[in-house]
Amino acid sequence: MELACNGTAKKVAVVEKQETVRIRAAETTFDGLYLLSNLDQIYPFSVDVVFAYRKGMGNAAETIKESLAKILVEFYPFAGCLTVAWNGKMVVRCTGEGVPFVEAVSNSTIEEWGDINRVDPKLRKLVYHPDEVNSILDVPPLTVQITSFRCGGIVLGIAMNHVVVDGKGLSDFLNYWAEITRGLPFAVNPYLDRSILSPTRPLPIDISHPALVGKQSPVKSIFVQFQEPIVYQSFCFEPEKLYQLKEMAKEDEFAAPPTSFEVISALVWIMRTTAFKIEPHKTTKLLTAVDGRPKFKPALPECFFGNGTVMSYAQCTADDLVQKPLSFAVKIVHESIKDVTGD
């Protein structure tokens, strides 16, 4: 049994979890080591996603179990476990042991949990995580939890090991899963062969990457230095406000307006730097995840299953970021994304 306190209603929501079971692929799948790319090695953390449905169905858990077993025939790495190969790199050992699956019941309604779009630690109660985790190797490639609520609604909680797949790959997997649950065939078969990302020998490095070079002593975490409580909040930017921000961010009246992503990213970067009171001479960086699938040479298949995400790095001093116009930050963000190429 786990407890979660709803900060708005001041009510403790109880989530009772049943014993974990393993959902195995419905058919025999590949048995052996599934090699991972160099890109996969740089994301040693997990990602949680929750989907809320106010109107559930009586046999939801059994339907999800059945369709999960079917989808694992194609996405068999999710049914294995991480290990370290002879070369020191992480790989998936495809054992067919299955995906950890948990059924849970909450004594509350979905509405009492508040806005699930907000980053809120209590939502972790709706996602299954193993009790004993000493390293990323102990984190399953995928876990699934379905929680039933008093109101009749359900929440599907997914935990994904980022070493195995990125957000785009997870989104594709969920779409495939939805199709197979509805009894539909795949529109396009997933592409699981990661040898396409094998590095060349020798590895050519023709472009410098100054943003990746450390120029000052690293700190463990800015949150350790910041003593005030951190508040999680979501914000809605109405179309009119977005238009005003884009006009503010234009370098001149004839310039093309920036994208919504660029202007909001720049604004949040400025506000966060201000809030954390970063020293003016310190360099501050904004990292943006960019889908590299269309940027590689040759481009990765659209249905590539794995990590095809690369990071763009926007950087400048805190003083320049805070003191200069919004257009300055927006231009840096724009250029950093533009600089992400196949090289």
Protein backbone atom coordinates (compact mmCIF):
# COMPACT_ATOMS: atom_id res chain seq x y z
CA MET A 1 0.00 0.00 0.00
CA GLU A 2 1.26 3.46 -0.89
CA LEU A 3 0.06 6.88 0.17
CA ALA A 4 -0.07 10.11 -1.79
CA CYS A 5 -1.19 13.45 -0.39
CA ASN A 6 -3.24 15.71 -2.64
CA GLY A 7 -1.99 19.20 -1.89
CA THR A 8 -5.22 20.89 -3.03
CA ALA A 9 -7.80 18.76 -1.30
CA LYS A 10 -5.54 17.94 1.67
CA LYS A 11 -6.68 14.35 1.34
CA VAL A 12 -4.52 11.28 1.50
CA ALA A 13 -5.11 9.06 -1.53
CA VAL A 14 -4.36 5.39 -0.94
CA VAL A 15 -3.01 3.29 -3.81
CA GLU A 16 -3.11 -0.44 -3.09
CA LYS A 17 -0.88 -2.39 -5.44
CA GLN A 18 -1.23 -6.09 -6.12
CA GLU A 19 1.66 -8.46 -6.62
CA THR A 20 3.80 -7.82 -9.68
CA VAL A 21 3.42 -10.26 -12.57
CA ARG A 22 5.47 -10.64 -15.74
CA ILE A 23 3.85 -10.29 -19.15
CA ARG A 24 5.78 -12.33 -21.71
CA ALA A 25 5.60 -12.15 -25.48
CA ALA A 26 2.76 -14.16 -26.99
CA GLU A 27 5.22 -15.94 -29.32
CA THR A 28 8.84 -17.05 -29.17
CA THR A 29 11.21 -14.13 -29.83
CA PHE A 30 14.93 -13.50 -30.27
CA ASP A 31 17.09 -15.02 -27.50
CA GLY A 32 20.49 -13.39 -27.04
CA LEU A 33 22.23 -10.04 -26.74
CA TYR A 34 20.60 -7.05 -28.41
CA LEU A 35 23.36 -4.52 -29.07
CA LEU A 36 22.79 -0.85 -28.24
CA SER A 37 24.32 2.15 -29.97
CA ASN A 38 26.64 4.79 -28.54
CA LEU A 39 23.68 7.16 -28.36
CA ASP A 40 21.86 4.70 -26.11
CA GLN A 41 24.70 4.75 -23.60
CA ILE A 42 24.30 8.46 -22.71
CA TYR A 43 20.75 8.32 -21.30
CA PRO A 44 21.06 6.36 -18.03
CA PHE A 45 17.72 7.28 -16.48
CA SER A 46 14.06 6.35 -16.65
CA VAL A 47 11.03 8.31 -17.86
CA ASP A 48 7.51 8.09 -16.43
CA VAL A 49 4.32 8.68 -18.42
CA VAL A 50 0.72 8.49 -17.17
CA PHE A 51 -2.49 8.39 -19.20
CA ALA A 52 -5.80 9.12 -17.45
CA TYR A 53 -9.14 7.83 -18.70
CA ARG A 54 -12.22 9.08 -16.85
CA LYS A 55 -14.33 6.25 -18.27
CA GLY A 56 -12.69 2.90 -17.77
CA MET A 57 -13.82 -0.55 -18.83
CA GLY A 58 -14.45 -3.57 -16.66
CA ASN A 59 -11.85 -5.81 -18.31
CA ALA A 60 -9.24 -3.11 -18.92
CA ALA A 61 -6.42 -4.94 -17.13
CA GLU A 62 -6.96 -8.20 -19.02
CA THR A 63 -7.25 -6.36 -22.35
CA ILE A 64 -3.99 -4.51 -21.72
CA LYS A 65 -2.22 -7.70 -20.64
CA GLU A 66 -3.32 -9.52 -23.77
CA SER A 67 -2.37 -6.74 -26.17
CA LEU A 68 0.96 -6.17 -24.37
CA ALA A 69 1.86 -9.83 -24.88
CA LYS A 70 1.12 -9.43 -28.59
CA ILE A 71 3.10 -6.21 -29.05
CA LEU A 72 6.15 -7.69 -27.28
CA VAL A 73 6.55 -10.11 -30.18
CA GLU A 74 7.74 -7.14 -32.27
CA PHE A 75 9.26 -5.06 -29.45
CA TYR A 76 11.02 -7.95 -27.71
CA PRO A 77 13.86 -5.85 -26.15
CA PHE A 78 11.29 -4.49 -23.68
CA ALA A 79 10.87 -8.02 -22.31
CA GLY A 80 14.57 -8.42 -21.47
CA CYS A 81 16.99 -6.79 -19.06
CA LEU A 82 20.08 -4.58 -19.23
CA THR A 83 23.56 -5.97 -18.77
CA VAL A 84 27.14 -5.04 -19.67
CA ALA A 85 28.82 -6.67 -22.66
CA TRP A 86 32.47 -7.66 -23.20
CA ASN A 87 33.31 -4.16 -24.44
CA GLY A 88 31.96 -2.40 -21.36
CA LYS A 89 28.88 -1.11 -23.20
CA MET A 90 25.31 -1.70 -22.04
CA VAL A 91 23.26 -4.18 -24.04
CA VAL A 92 19.84 -5.79 -23.65
CA ARG A 93 19.88 -9.45 -22.71
CA CYS A 94 16.78 -10.74 -24.47
CA THR A 95 15.68 -13.36 -21.98
CA GLY A 96 11.96 -13.17 -22.67
CA GLU A 97 11.38 -12.78 -18.93
CA GLY A 98 8.64 -10.27 -19.64
CA VAL A 99 7.49 -6.80 -18.64
CA PRO A 100 6.65 -6.15 -14.95
CA PHE A 101 2.90 -5.49 -14.73
CA VAL A 102 1.00 -4.26 -11.68
CA GLU A 103 -2.71 -3.79 -11.01
CA ALA A 104 -3.62 -1.20 -8.38
CA VAL A 105 -6.71 0.37 -6.81
CA SER A 106 -7.11 3.90 -5.45
CA ASN A 107 -9.74 5.02 -2.93
CA SER A 108 -9.98 8.42 -4.62
CA THR A 109 -11.29 9.82 -7.89
CA ILE A 110 -9.06 10.95 -10.76
CA GLU A 111 -10.20 14.54 -10.21
CA GLU A 112 -8.91 14.46 -6.64
CA TRP A 113 -5.40 13.90 -7.96
CA GLY A 114 -5.47 17.31 -9.63
CA ASP A 115 -3.81 18.26 -12.89
CA ILE A 116 -1.77 15.26 -14.02
CA ASN A 117 -0.07 17.45 -16.63
CA ARG A 118 1.89 19.05 -13.79
CA VAL A 119 5.19 17.62 -12.63
CA ASP A 120 4.12 16.24 -9.26
CA PRO A 121 6.07 13.65 -7.21
CA LYS A 122 2.84 12.02 -6.01
CA LEU A 123 2.10 10.82 -9.54
CA ARG A 124 4.96 8.33 -9.16
CA LYS A 125 2.51 6.26 -7.11
CA LEU A 126 0.70 5.58 -10.38
CA VAL A 127 3.81 4.09 -12.01
CA TYR A 128 5.57 0.89 -11.00
CA HIS A 129 9.23 1.12 -9.93
CA PRO A 130 11.22 -1.80 -8.49
CA ASP A 131 12.04 -1.52 -4.79
CA GLU A 132 15.76 -2.25 -5.03
CA VAL A 133 17.63 -0.34 -7.72
CA ASN A 134 21.39 0.04 -7.36
CA SER A 135 22.14 1.18 -10.90
CA ILE A 136 20.49 1.77 -14.25
CA LEU A 137 21.10 -1.92 -14.99
CA ASP A 138 18.45 -2.78 -12.37
CA VAL A 139 15.79 -0.64 -14.08
CA PRO A 140 13.56 -2.75 -16.36
CA PRO A 141 13.32 -1.60 -19.99
CA LEU A 142 9.57 -1.14 -19.46
CA THR A 143 7.03 -1.42 -16.64
CA VAL A 144 3.26 -1.08 -16.79
CA GLN A 145 0.78 -0.25 -14.02
CA ILE A 146 -2.98 0.13 -14.33
CA THR A 147 -4.75 1.87 -11.45
CA SER A 148 -8.54 1.77 -11.04
CA PHE A 149 -10.27 4.68 -9.28
CA ARG A 150 -13.45 5.01 -7.24
CA CYS A 151 -15.04 7.10 -10.01
CA GLY A 152 -14.69 4.27 -12.52
CA GLY A 153 -11.76 5.83 -14.31
CA ILE A 154 -8.33 4.29 -14.82
CA VAL A 155 -4.77 5.51 -15.16
CA LEU A 156 -2.18 3.69 -17.25
CA GLY A 157 1.31 4.32 -15.89
CA ILE A 158 4.39 3.59 -18.01
CA ALA A 159 8.03 3.65 -16.90
CA MET A 160 10.62 3.46 -19.68
CA ASN A 161 14.36 2.94 -19.36
CA HIS A 162 15.81 5.67 -21.61
CA VAL A 163 18.85 3.52 -22.39
CA VAL A 164 16.58 1.34 -24.52
CA VAL A 165 14.54 3.96 -26.37
CA ASP A 166 13.88 7.71 -26.60
CA GLY A 167 10.61 9.65 -26.45
CA LYS A 168 9.93 9.34 -30.17
CA GLY A 169 10.51 5.58 -30.02
CA LEU A 170 8.25 5.25 -26.97
CA SER A 171 5.54 7.28 -28.69
CA ASP A 172 5.75 4.99 -31.73
CA PHE A 173 5.56 1.93 -29.46
CA LEU A 174 2.45 3.27 -27.73
CA ASN A 175 0.81 3.94 -31.10
CA TYR A 176 1.64 0.40 -32.27
CA TRP A 177 0.26 -0.93 -28.97
CA ALA A 178 -2.97 1.03 -29.42
CA GLU A 179 -3.34 -0.34 -32.96
CA ILE A 180 -2.87 -3.94 -31.91
CA THR A 181 -5.29 -3.46 -29.00
CA ARG A 182 -7.94 -2.36 -31.50
CA GLY A 183 -7.13 -5.32 -33.72
CA LEU A 184 -5.52 -3.22 -36.45
CA PRO A 185 -2.41 -4.20 -38.46
CA PHE A 186 0.75 -2.12 -38.28
CA ALA A 187 0.84 0.67 -40.84
CA VAL A 188 4.66 0.41 -40.87
CA ASN A 189 6.78 -2.25 -39.22
CA PRO A 190 9.19 -0.99 -36.52
CA TYR A 191 12.91 -0.88 -37.38
CA LEU A 192 14.96 -2.50 -34.61
CA ASP A 193 18.38 -2.90 -36.23
CA ARG A 194 20.71 -0.49 -34.42
CA SER A 195 23.80 -1.40 -36.42
CA ILE A 196 22.79 1.52 -38.63
CA LEU A 197 24.28 3.74 -35.89
CA SER A 198 27.57 1.85 -35.62
CA PRO A 199 30.47 4.34 -35.62
CA THR A 200 32.89 4.42 -38.55
CA ARG A 201 36.53 3.43 -38.13
CA PRO A 202 38.35 5.70 -37.61
CA LEU A 203 35.75 8.11 -36.27
CA PRO A 204 36.05 11.44 -38.14
CA ILE A 205 35.66 14.59 -36.04
CA ASP A 206 35.50 17.52 -38.40
CA ILE A 207 33.50 19.97 -36.28
CA SER A 208 34.39 21.39 -32.88
CA HIS A 209 31.84 21.22 -30.09
CA PRO A 210 32.79 24.00 -27.62
CA ALA A 211 29.55 23.65 -25.67
CA LEU A 212 30.64 20.17 -24.55
CA VAL A 213 34.01 21.34 -23.21
CA GLY A 214 34.03 22.12 -19.50
CA LYS A 215 35.39 25.58 -18.74
CA GLN A 216 34.56 25.85 -15.05
CA SER A 217 34.38 23.63 -12.01
CA PRO A 218 31.26 21.49 -12.14
CA VAL A 219 28.74 21.53 -9.32
CA LYS A 220 26.77 18.51 -8.19
CA SER A 221 23.42 20.21 -8.57
CA ILE A 222 22.09 23.72 -8.56
CA PHE A 223 19.25 22.45 -6.39
CA VAL A 224 21.76 21.74 -3.62
CA GLN A 225 22.83 25.39 -3.64
CA PHE A 226 19.29 26.76 -3.83
CA GLN A 227 17.73 26.73 -0.37
CA GLU A 228 14.19 27.87 -1.16
CA PRO A 229 11.53 25.23 -1.87
CA ILE A 230 11.03 24.25 -5.52
CA VAL A 231 7.44 24.67 -6.73
CA TYR A 232 6.16 22.68 -9.70
CA GLN A 233 3.80 24.61 -11.93
CA SER A 234 2.41 24.43 -15.46
CA PHE A 235 1.62 27.51 -17.54
CA CYS A 236 -0.73 28.02 -20.46
CA PHE A 237 0.35 30.44 -23.19
CA GLU A 238 -2.71 31.73 -25.02
CA PRO A 239 -2.34 32.49 -28.76
CA GLU A 240 -2.42 36.24 -28.14
CA LYS A 241 0.38 36.03 -25.57
CA LEU A 242 2.42 33.84 -27.88
CA TYR A 243 2.01 36.37 -30.68
CA GLN A 244 3.17 39.19 -28.40
CA LEU A 245 6.22 37.20 -27.30
CA LYS A 246 7.16 36.40 -30.89
CA GLU A 247 6.90 40.07 -31.83
CA MET A 248 9.12 40.99 -28.87
CA ALA A 249 11.64 38.36 -29.90
CA LYS A 250 12.05 39.55 -33.50
CA GLU A 251 15.39 41.24 -34.12
CA ASP A 252 13.70 43.76 -36.43
CA GLU A 253 10.26 44.36 -37.91
CA PHE A 254 11.13 42.58 -41.16
CA ALA A 255 12.56 39.44 -39.55
CA ALA A 256 10.64 36.18 -39.61
CA PRO A 257 9.03 35.41 -36.23
CA PRO A 258 10.60 32.62 -34.15
CA THR A 259 8.77 29.38 -33.50
CA SER A 260 6.63 28.94 -30.40
CA PHE A 261 9.13 26.42 -29.06
CA GLU A 262 12.06 28.79 -29.49
CA VAL A 263 10.42 31.77 -27.81
CA ILE A 264 9.00 29.80 -24.85
CA SER A 265 12.30 27.93 -24.34
CA ALA A 266 14.21 31.23 -24.31
CA LEU A 267 11.74 32.80 -21.88
CA VAL A 268 11.86 29.87 -19.45
CA TRP A 269 15.68 29.84 -19.70
CA ILE A 270 15.80 33.52 -18.73
CA MET A 271 13.30 33.15 -15.90
CA ARG A 272 15.01 30.08 -14.47
CA THR A 273 18.42 31.72 -14.58
CA THR A 274 16.98 34.73 -12.78
CA ALA A 275 15.19 32.63 -10.16
CA PHE A 276 18.29 30.60 -9.33
CA LYS A 277 20.36 33.78 -9.04
CA ILE A 278 23.19 32.42 -11.14
CA GLU A 279 26.29 34.63 -10.89
CA PRO A 280 26.56 37.04 -13.83
CA HIS A 281 29.94 35.76 -15.05
CA LYS A 282 28.91 32.08 -14.99
CA THR A 283 28.03 30.30 -18.22
CA THR A 284 24.49 28.97 -18.40
CA LYS A 285 23.41 26.34 -20.90
CA LEU A 286 20.06 25.31 -22.33
CA LEU A 287 19.92 21.74 -23.58
CA THR A 288 17.22 20.86 -26.10
CA ALA A 289 16.38 17.37 -27.28
CA VAL A 290 16.29 17.27 -31.09
CA ASP A 291 15.05 14.31 -33.12
CA GLY A 292 18.13 13.31 -35.10
CA ARG A 293 16.38 10.73 -37.28
CA PRO A 294 16.06 13.01 -40.32
CA LYS A 295 19.44 14.66 -39.70
CA PHE A 296 21.74 11.64 -39.82
CA LYS A 297 23.54 10.70 -43.02
CA PRO A 298 21.82 8.63 -44.24
CA ALA A 299 18.64 9.50 -42.37
CA LEU A 300 17.32 6.95 -39.91
CA PRO A 301 14.03 5.25 -40.77
CA GLU A 302 11.05 7.15 -39.40
CA CYS A 303 10.03 4.01 -37.49
CA PHE A 304 13.51 3.51 -35.96
CA PHE A 305 13.21 1.99 -32.47
CA GLY A 306 15.98 3.26 -30.23
CA ASN A 307 17.65 6.51 -29.24
CA GLY A 308 17.76 8.84 -32.22
CA THR A 309 17.69 11.99 -30.11
CA VAL A 310 20.64 14.36 -29.95
CA MET A 311 21.11 17.44 -27.80
CA SER A 312 21.51 21.02 -28.90
CA TYR A 313 23.44 23.35 -26.59
CA ALA A 314 22.61 27.04 -26.29
CA GLN A 315 24.99 28.89 -23.99
CA CYS A 316 26.01 32.37 -22.84
CA THR A 317 26.81 34.17 -19.60
CA ALA A 318 24.02 34.66 -17.11
CA ASP A 319 24.52 38.42 -17.34
CA ASP A 320 24.02 38.49 -21.12
CA LEU A 321 21.01 36.21 -20.89
CA VAL A 322 19.22 38.26 -18.24
CA GLN A 323 20.20 41.78 -19.27
CA LYS A 324 19.89 41.61 -23.06
CA PRO A 325 16.57 41.63 -24.97
CA LEU A 326 14.50 38.49 -25.42
CA SER A 327 15.59 38.41 -29.07
CA PHE A 328 19.17 37.67 -27.93
CA ALA A 329 18.19 34.46 -26.13
CA VAL A 330 15.80 33.40 -28.88
CA LYS A 331 18.52 33.77 -31.51
CA ILE A 332 20.91 31.59 -29.47
CA VAL A 333 18.25 28.89 -29.07
CA HIS A 334 17.44 29.04 -32.80
CA GLU A 335 21.09 28.76 -33.84
CA SER A 336 21.80 25.88 -31.46
CA ILE A 337 18.94 23.82 -32.92
CA LYS A 338 19.94 24.75 -36.46
CA ASP A 339 23.50 23.56 -35.76
CA VAL A 340 22.32 19.98 -35.08
CA THR A 341 23.32 18.14 -38.25
CA GLY A 342 24.50 14.71 -39.27
CA ASP A 343 28.04 15.78 -38.37
